[in-house]
Amino acid sequence: MVATEMNPVAPVVLQLLGRVYCHLCHDMEAALAPIAAEFSAQVEVVDVDEDPALEERWGELVPVLLYQGEEICHYFLDAPAVREVLAKIR
């Protein structure tokens, strides 16, 4: 689908759950940036410690990368899995 002023394409948003003090979270965010740019996707970084429900659900698995609530990968970036998800969307 081609974006036009009359028919804009909704942005693809990946959600990266992590913690401010987590080096694996920062590593995943940095590794994800070029892939997100390649597919014109946005990355929303969410601190699980700011939301008790997220902390309870994902606490020990961070960083976790989600698309529409579905886990793509955790701990380390799985670049092929991310590309596969993004290719299906775009």
Protein backbone atom coordinates (compact mmCIF):
# COMPACT_ATOMS: atom_id res chain seq x y z
CA MET A 1 0.00 0.00 0.00
CA VAL A 2 1.35 3.42 -0.95
CA ALA A 3 0.93 6.34 1.43
CA THR A 4 -0.76 9.45 0.12
CA GLU A 5 -2.25 12.49 1.82
CA MET A 6 -5.68 10.92 1.37
CA ASN A 7 -4.60 7.43 2.44
CA PRO A 8 -1.74 7.54 4.96
CA VAL A 9 -0.16 4.26 6.02
CA ALA A 10 -0.27 3.79 9.77
CA PRO A 11 3.20 3.66 11.28
CA VAL A 12 4.50 0.31 12.44
CA VAL A 13 5.35 0.52 16.12
CA LEU A 14 7.55 -2.01 17.87
CA GLN A 15 7.47 -1.91 21.65
CA LEU A 16 10.73 -2.49 23.50
CA LEU A 17 10.18 -3.30 27.16
CA GLY A 18 13.16 -2.75 29.38
CA ARG A 19 14.66 -0.92 32.31
CA VAL A 20 16.64 2.29 32.51
CA TYR A 21 19.62 0.59 34.19
CA CYS A 22 19.64 -2.54 31.97
CA HIS A 23 22.64 -2.82 29.63
CA LEU A 24 20.98 -5.60 27.61
CA CYS A 25 18.03 -3.26 27.06
CA HIS A 26 20.30 -0.52 25.75
CA ASP A 27 22.14 -3.04 23.56
CA MET A 28 18.88 -4.28 22.04
CA GLU A 29 17.68 -0.73 21.39
CA ALA A 30 20.93 0.13 19.60
CA ALA A 31 20.91 -3.08 17.54
CA LEU A 32 17.25 -2.57 16.63
CA ALA A 33 17.65 1.03 15.42
CA PRO A 34 19.04 0.27 11.92
CA ILE A 35 16.46 -2.46 11.28
CA ALA A 36 13.63 -0.18 12.38
CA ALA A 37 14.97 2.55 10.08
CA GLU A 38 15.25 0.08 7.18
CA PHE A 39 11.52 -0.72 7.50
CA SER A 40 10.42 2.80 8.57
CA ALA A 41 9.22 1.38 11.87
CA GLN A 42 9.02 3.28 15.13
CA VAL A 43 10.35 1.92 18.41
CA GLU A 44 8.51 2.75 21.60
CA VAL A 45 10.75 2.15 24.61
CA VAL A 46 8.81 1.35 27.78
CA ASP A 47 10.29 1.06 31.27
CA VAL A 48 8.60 -1.96 32.88
CA ASP A 49 9.35 -0.55 36.31
CA GLU A 50 6.90 2.29 35.57
CA ASP A 51 3.96 -0.12 35.13
CA PRO A 52 3.28 -2.78 37.78
CA ALA A 53 1.35 -4.99 35.33
CA LEU A 54 4.21 -4.95 32.80
CA GLU A 55 6.77 -5.57 35.52
CA GLU A 56 4.79 -8.53 36.82
CA ARG A 57 4.32 -10.03 33.34
CA TRP A 58 7.74 -9.35 31.78
CA GLY A 59 10.02 -8.50 34.72
CA GLU A 60 12.74 -11.13 34.36
CA LEU A 61 12.55 -11.39 30.55
CA VAL A 62 13.57 -7.83 29.73
CA PRO A 63 14.49 -6.66 27.28
CA VAL A 64 11.48 -7.90 25.35
CA LEU A 65 10.56 -6.77 21.85
CA LEU A 66 6.85 -6.87 21.00
CA TYR A 67 4.69 -6.15 18.00
CA GLN A 68 1.01 -5.66 18.83
CA GLY A 69 1.54 -7.40 22.16
CA GLU A 70 3.19 -10.49 20.64
CA GLU A 71 6.76 -11.28 21.63
CA ILE A 72 9.32 -11.24 18.84
CA CYS A 73 12.36 -11.86 21.04
CA HIS A 74 13.79 -11.28 24.49
CA TYR A 75 17.21 -10.83 26.11
CA PHE A 76 18.98 -10.40 22.75
CA LEU A 77 17.81 -9.07 19.40
CA ASP A 78 16.81 -11.80 16.96
CA ALA A 79 17.39 -9.76 13.79
CA PRO A 80 16.03 -12.40 11.38
CA ALA A 81 12.82 -12.70 13.42
CA VAL A 82 12.40 -8.91 13.50
CA ARG A 83 12.98 -8.65 9.74
CA GLU A 84 10.49 -11.46 9.13
CA VAL A 85 7.79 -9.70 11.18
CA LEU A 86 8.44 -6.33 9.56
CA ALA A 87 8.54 -7.80 6.05
CA LYS A 88 5.07 -9.29 6.56
CA ILE A 89 3.72 -5.91 7.64
CA ARG A 90 5.37 -3.82 4.97
